[in-house]
C-alpha atoms as a PDB file:
ATOM      1  CA  UNK A   1      61.295  64.286  56.658  1.00  0.00           C
ATOM      2  CA  UNK A   2      63.870  63.473  58.336  1.00  0.00           C
ATOM      3  CA  UNK A   3      65.240  60.976  55.437  1.00  0.00           C
ATOM      4  CA  UNK A   4      66.499  64.127  53.646  1.00  0.00           C
ATOM      5  CA  UNK A   5      67.611  67.871  54.274  1.00  0.00           C
ATOM      6  CA  UNK A   6      66.036  68.621  51.262  1.00  0.00           C
ATOM      7  CA  UNK A   7      62.647  66.842  51.797  1.00  0.00           C
ATOM      8  CA  UNK A   8      62.509  68.935  55.569  1.00  0.00           C
ATOM      9  CA  UNK A   9      63.192  72.371  53.855  1.00  0.00           C
ATOM     10  CA  UNK A  10      60.430  72.059  51.381  1.00  0.00           C
ATOM     11  CA  UNK A  11      57.714  71.166  54.157  1.00  0.00           C
ATOM     12  CA  UNK A  12      58.289  74.600  55.290  1.00  0.00           C
ATOM     13  CA  UNK A  13      57.619  76.284  52.257  1.00  0.00           C
ATOM     14  CA  UNK A  14      54.350  78.084  52.785  1.00  0.00           C
ATOM     15  CA  UNK A  15      52.965  76.421  49.212  1.00  0.00           C
ATOM     16  CA  UNK A  16      52.573  73.176  52.050  1.00  0.00           C
ATOM     17  CA  UNK A  17      51.099  75.507  54.698  1.00  0.00           C
ATOM     18  CA  UNK A  18      47.038  75.806  55.110  1.00  0.00           C
ATOM     19  CA  UNK A  19      46.060  75.907  59.073  1.00  0.00           C
ATOM     20  CA  UNK A  20      45.332  72.436  61.256  1.00  0.00           C
ATOM     21  CA  UNK A  21      43.606  72.733  64.543  1.00  0.00           C
ATOM     22  CA  UNK A  22      45.822  71.048  66.583  1.00  0.00           C
ATOM     23  CA  UNK A  23      44.328  68.158  67.475  1.00  0.00           C
ATOM     24  CA  UNK A  24      43.682  67.043  63.898  1.00  0.00           C
ATOM     25  CA  UNK A  25      46.960  68.006  63.122  1.00  0.00           C
ATOM     26  CA  UNK A  26      48.897  65.325  65.662  1.00  0.00           C
ATOM     27  CA  UNK A  27      46.805  62.690  65.488  1.00  0.00           C
ATOM     28  CA  UNK A  28      44.309  61.623  62.513  1.00  0.00           C
ATOM     29  CA  UNK A  29      46.266  63.695  60.194  1.00  0.00           C
ATOM     30  CA  UNK A  30      49.415  62.689  61.082  1.00  0.00           C
ATOM     31  CA  UNK A  31      48.472  58.844  60.881  1.00  0.00           C
ATOM     32  CA  UNK A  32      47.139  59.050  57.367  1.00  0.00           C
ATOM     33  CA  UNK A  33      50.642  60.623  56.414  1.00  0.00           C
ATOM     34  CA  UNK A  34      52.258  58.241  58.107  1.00  0.00           C
ATOM     35  CA  UNK A  35      49.839  55.548  56.768  1.00  0.00           C
ATOM     36  CA  UNK A  36      50.597  56.791  52.972  1.00  0.00           C
ATOM     37  CA  UNK A  37      54.378  56.740  53.965  1.00  0.00           C
ATOM     38  CA  UNK A  38      54.310  53.259  54.395  1.00  0.00           C
ATOM     39  CA  UNK A  39      51.646  52.614  51.198  1.00  0.00           C
ATOM     40  CA  UNK A  40      54.924  54.677  49.361  1.00  0.00           C
ATOM     41  CA  UNK A  41      57.099  51.154  50.467  1.00  0.00           C
ATOM     42  CA  UNK A  42      55.028  48.749  50.135  1.00  0.00           C
ATOM     43  CA  UNK A  43      53.756  49.691  46.971  1.00  0.00           C
ATOM     44  CA  UNK A  44      57.057  50.741  45.309  1.00  0.00           C
ATOM     45  CA  UNK A  45      55.921  54.165  43.492  1.00  0.00           C
ATOM     46  CA  UNK A  46      52.301  55.971  44.371  1.00  0.00           C
ATOM     47  CA  UNK A  47      50.534  59.189  43.559  1.00  0.00           C
ATOM     48  CA  UNK A  48      48.939  61.136  46.003  1.00  0.00           C
ATOM     49  CA  UNK A  49      47.628  64.665  46.301  1.00  0.00           C
ATOM     50  CA  UNK A  50      46.213  66.803  49.090  1.00  0.00           C
ATOM     51  CA  UNK A  51      45.262  69.970  50.485  1.00  0.00           C
ATOM     52  CA  UNK A  52      42.330  72.121  51.595  1.00  0.00           C
ATOM     53  CA  UNK A  53      38.712  71.985  51.593  1.00  0.00           C
ATOM     54  CA  UNK A  54      37.551  75.729  52.198  1.00  0.00           C
ATOM     55  CA  UNK A  55      33.422  75.618  52.230  1.00  0.00           C
ATOM     56  CA  UNK A  56      30.919  78.776  52.550  1.00  0.00           C
ATOM     57  CA  UNK A  57      30.814  79.888  55.859  1.00  0.00           C
ATOM     58  CA  UNK A  58      34.846  79.532  56.509  1.00  0.00           C
ATOM     59  CA  UNK A  59      36.239  80.758  59.702  1.00  0.00           C
ATOM     60  CA  UNK A  60      39.445  82.726  59.295  1.00  0.00           C
ATOM     61  CA  UNK A  61      42.316  83.080  61.573  1.00  0.00           C
ATOM     62  CA  UNK A  62      44.943  86.206  62.342  1.00  0.00           C
ATOM     63  CA  UNK A  63      44.539  89.908  60.527  1.00  0.00           C
ATOM     64  CA  UNK A  64      45.429  89.124  57.348  1.00  0.00           C
ATOM     65  CA  UNK A  65      42.208  87.091  57.558  1.00  0.00           C
ATOM     66  CA  UNK A  66      44.028  83.550  56.634  1.00  0.00           C
ATOM     67  CA  UNK A  67      41.408  80.936  55.060  1.00  0.00           C
ATOM     68  CA  UNK A  68      41.027  77.980  58.032  1.00  0.00           C
ATOM     69  CA  UNK A  69      39.885  74.856  55.598  1.00  0.00           C
ATOM     70  CA  UNK A  70      36.919  72.683  56.637  1.00  0.00           C
ATOM     71  CA  UNK A  71      38.434  69.870  55.798  1.00  0.00           C
ATOM     72  CA  UNK A  72      41.731  68.177  53.891  1.00  0.00           C
ATOM     73  CA  UNK A  73      41.569  65.397  51.148  1.00  0.00           C
ATOM     74  CA  UNK A  74      44.145  63.037  50.422  1.00  0.00           C
ATOM     75  CA  UNK A  75      44.076  61.114  46.927  1.00  0.00           C
ATOM     76  CA  UNK A  76      46.623  58.019  46.749  1.00  0.00           C
ATOM     77  CA  UNK A  77      47.014  56.359  43.650  1.00  0.00           C
ATOM     78  CA  UNK A  78      48.707  52.922  42.848  1.00  0.00           C
ATOM     79  CA  UNK A  79      48.915  52.854  38.793  1.00  0.00           C
ATOM     80  CA  UNK A  80      51.579  49.915  38.748  1.00  0.00           C
ATOM     81  CA  UNK A  81      50.461  45.945  37.439  1.00  0.00           C
ATOM     82  CA  UNK A  82      49.186  44.054  38.403  1.00  0.00           C
ATOM     83  CA  UNK A  83      47.262  45.894  41.713  1.00  0.00           C
ATOM     84  CA  UNK A  84      45.777  49.379  40.166  1.00  0.00           C
ATOM     85  CA  UNK A  85      44.027  50.526  42.907  1.00  0.00           C
ATOM     86  CA  UNK A  86      43.170  53.952  44.224  1.00  0.00           C
ATOM     87  CA  UNK A  87      41.824  55.255  47.692  1.00  0.00           C
ATOM     88  CA  UNK A  88      40.773  59.063  48.753  1.00  0.00           C
ATOM     89  CA  UNK A  89      40.050  60.619  52.169  1.00  0.00           C
ATOM     90  CA  UNK A  90      38.498  63.800  53.045  1.00  0.00           C
ATOM     91  CA  UNK A  91      38.428  64.077  56.448  1.00  0.00           C
ATOM     92  CA  UNK A  92      37.190  67.211  59.511  1.00  0.00           C
ATOM     93  CA  UNK A  93      39.742  70.133  60.353  1.00  0.00           C
ATOM     94  CA  UNK A  94      39.308  68.569  63.736  1.00  0.00           C
ATOM     95  CA  UNK A  95      40.375  65.813  66.848  1.00  0.00           C
ATOM     96  CA  UNK A  96      38.804  62.321  65.381  1.00  0.00           C
ATOM     97  CA  UNK A  97      38.988  59.417  67.496  1.00  0.00           C
ATOM     98  CA  UNK A  98      37.932  57.568  64.316  1.00  0.00           C
ATOM     99  CA  UNK A  99      39.772  55.318  61.656  1.00  0.00           C
ATOM    100  CA  UNK A 100      40.715  56.152  58.422  1.00  0.00           C
ATOM    101  CA  UNK A 101      38.562  54.047  56.747  1.00  0.00           C
ATOM    102  CA  UNK A 102      35.391  56.601  58.135  1.00  0.00           C
ATOM    103  CA  UNK A 103      36.864  58.731  56.326  1.00  0.00           C
ATOM    104  CA  UNK A 104      37.895  56.928  52.504  1.00  0.00           C
ATOM    105  CA  UNK A 105      35.858  57.747  49.387  1.00  0.00           C
ATOM    106  CA  UNK A 106      36.316  57.085  45.613  1.00  0.00           C
ATOM    107  CA  UNK A 107      38.426  59.566  43.709  1.00  0.00           C
ATOM    108  CA  UNK A 108      35.975  60.488  41.796  1.00  0.00           C
ATOM    109  CA  UNK A 109      33.914  61.636  44.642  1.00  0.00           C
ATOM    110  CA  UNK A 110      36.965  63.746  45.815  1.00  0.00           C
ATOM    111  CA  UNK A 111      37.135  65.207  42.095  1.00  0.00           C
ATOM    112  CA  UNK A 112      33.254  66.168  42.195  1.00  0.00           C
ATOM    113  CA  UNK A 113      33.353  67.841  45.421  1.00  0.00           C
ATOM    114  CA  UNK A 114      37.325  69.578  44.976  1.00  0.00           C
ATOM    115  CA  UNK A 115      37.170  70.673  41.516  1.00  0.00           C
ATOM    116  CA  UNK A 116      40.603  68.712  40.150  1.00  0.00           C
ATOM    117  CA  UNK A 117      40.491  66.372  38.061  1.00  0.00           C
ATOM    118  CA  UNK A 118      43.865  64.605  40.646  1.00  0.00           C
ATOM    119  CA  UNK A 119      45.151  61.646  37.612  1.00  0.00           C
ATOM    120  CA  UNK A 120      44.484  62.606  33.756  1.00  0.00           C
ATOM    121  CA  UNK A 121      47.690  61.640  33.016  1.00  0.00           C
ATOM    122  CA  UNK A 122      47.277  58.090  33.383  1.00  0.00           C
ATOM    123  CA  UNK A 123      45.582  56.620  30.324  1.00  0.00           C
ATOM    124  CA  UNK A 124      42.027  56.582  30.239  1.00  0.00           C
ATOM    125  CA  UNK A 125      41.564  52.626  31.575  1.00  0.00           C
ATOM    126  CA  UNK A 126      43.729  53.055  34.343  1.00  0.00           C
ATOM    127  CA  UNK A 127      42.897  56.534  35.977  1.00  0.00           C
ATOM    128  CA  UNK A 128      38.793  54.994  35.627  1.00  0.00           C
ATOM    129  CA  UNK A 129      39.942  51.612  37.693  1.00  0.00           C
ATOM    130  CA  UNK A 130      41.564  54.081  39.967  1.00  0.00           C
ATOM    131  CA  UNK A 131      39.380  56.645  40.451  1.00  0.00           C
ATOM    132  CA  UNK A 132      35.692  54.511  40.617  1.00  0.00           C
ATOM    133  CA  UNK A 133      35.329  53.085  43.440  1.00  0.00           C
ATOM    134  CA  UNK A 134      37.513  51.720  46.251  1.00  0.00           C
ATOM    135  CA  UNK A 135      38.500  48.505  47.549  1.00  0.00           C
ATOM    136  CA  UNK A 136      39.792  48.853  51.678  1.00  0.00           C
ATOM    137  CA  UNK A 137      40.550  45.960  51.353  1.00  0.00           C
ATOM    138  CA  UNK A 138      43.269  46.326  48.874  1.00  0.00           C
ATOM    139  CA  UNK A 139      45.676  48.390  51.195  1.00  0.00           C
ATOM    140  CA  UNK A 140      47.192  47.695  54.024  1.00  0.00           C
ATOM    141  CA  UNK A 141      45.951  49.427  57.626  1.00  0.00           C
ATOM    142  CA  UNK A 142      49.366  48.875  59.341  1.00  0.00           C
ATOM    143  CA  UNK A 143      50.769  52.159  60.515  1.00  0.00           C
END
């Protein structure tokens, strides 16, 4: 977020805060965020949605009993021709040494779990291509 003071400031808004385990935030989630920034550059433009997944029996912190997500998701869409593609991730909110590809899923699957319809603004054919399957070979994994 160091590229602009506004981006840095917005990263601290309460709407952008969710409790994360320290080792999750410092490693696998950080790796995914760095990778998505690279994809934004190499694909010229991508759409990204991210958030928590709170499951039954979730843990809480603090006197206000803030919910601690069990998982986090991130979905990425490249709706630009000629290489229309999409990919999603669900990662447990805990330390992991696994490769990011191990957490990759079709966006339709993540929509089913979260109840969100992420890219409904796209035309139906493009949305279907982006959300119905993944091909990890179509994404660069250098970060």
